[in-house]
Amino acid sequence: MSTTKKNGNIDETEFTGKRILVTAGTKGAGKAIFNRLLKGGASIVTTARTVPDDLKPEQFIQADLSTKEGAIKVIDETLKRLGGIDILINSLGGSSAPSGGVMVLTDEDWANALNTNLMAAVRLDRGMLPAMLAQGSGVIIHISSIQRKMPLFEATIAYAAAKAALTNYSKGIAKELAPKGVRVNTVSPGFINTDGAQGMINNIASKNGGDKVAALETIMNSLGGIPMGRPAEPEEVAELVAFLVSDRAAYLSGGEFVIDGGSVPTV
């Protein structure tokens, strides 16, 4: 393979001919993953509930993937536009549940967390797998979280439980699908320096005299600390994903790859 310097050390032909769907690819780590694979030459589409300003119409499908209807729309339009699918990256995730612990969470809060962080991936996998199995090849990545091992009861217990279920599900289907030519892996990030994270930092700082450095420390301490002393950049997560979906990782399946700067203190 040739390597050019136009995009740094990125091989701009590595994903040429690969048909890729990245969910939630308009913000944060999902956007970084989308951009990284696009620079590698992929034919790629992404999804979100809100139409972005910086994507071509053929690169975007507007849908709410927390619903069955949204998943069906994305499956149908992706296969129609790309003519098939080689790589599926389930990047959608997040929590809108209120803080206050388990007693403030309603059935709706739990359903929202499960639909967004688990069922969206399950539905898309189920819809895309027939095309992958028919061609005897494919790669699926599930973006989980270190919170599946380190749930924070104050605000994200439902999110953490859903991500734990996603990781378990991912491991299970990896064993089933590997003999059929489809590799499945999980990527579990820790704290990522996204726009959302900056919003958290700003909110905490505004309540504590405007000290953003102290606010960042508060967040990192809530995770038990980050030995590397900083959150991950979205592009660092994207680079790991790019490796895992590439031919360079052809023997990797059924794994969970943690990218957290050392936050998780257990083996």
Foldseek 3Di string as FASTA:
>chain_A
DDADCPPHRAQLQQAAPAQEEQEPCPFFLNVLLQVSVVSNRHNAAYEDQDDDDPDDPLRYDHFDLLDLVRLVRCLVSSCVSSVAHAEYEHPFADAPFAFDFDVRDDPVRLSSLQSGQPVSLVSNCVSRVVRQLVVQAHEYEHEAACCLVVPDGGTCNSNSVNSVVRLVVQLVVLVVCVVSHYATEYEHEYAEPIPVVVVQLQVVCVVPVNDSVVSQVVVQVSLVHQVVHHGHYSNVSSVVVVCCRGVVNSPDHSYYHYHYNCSDPDD
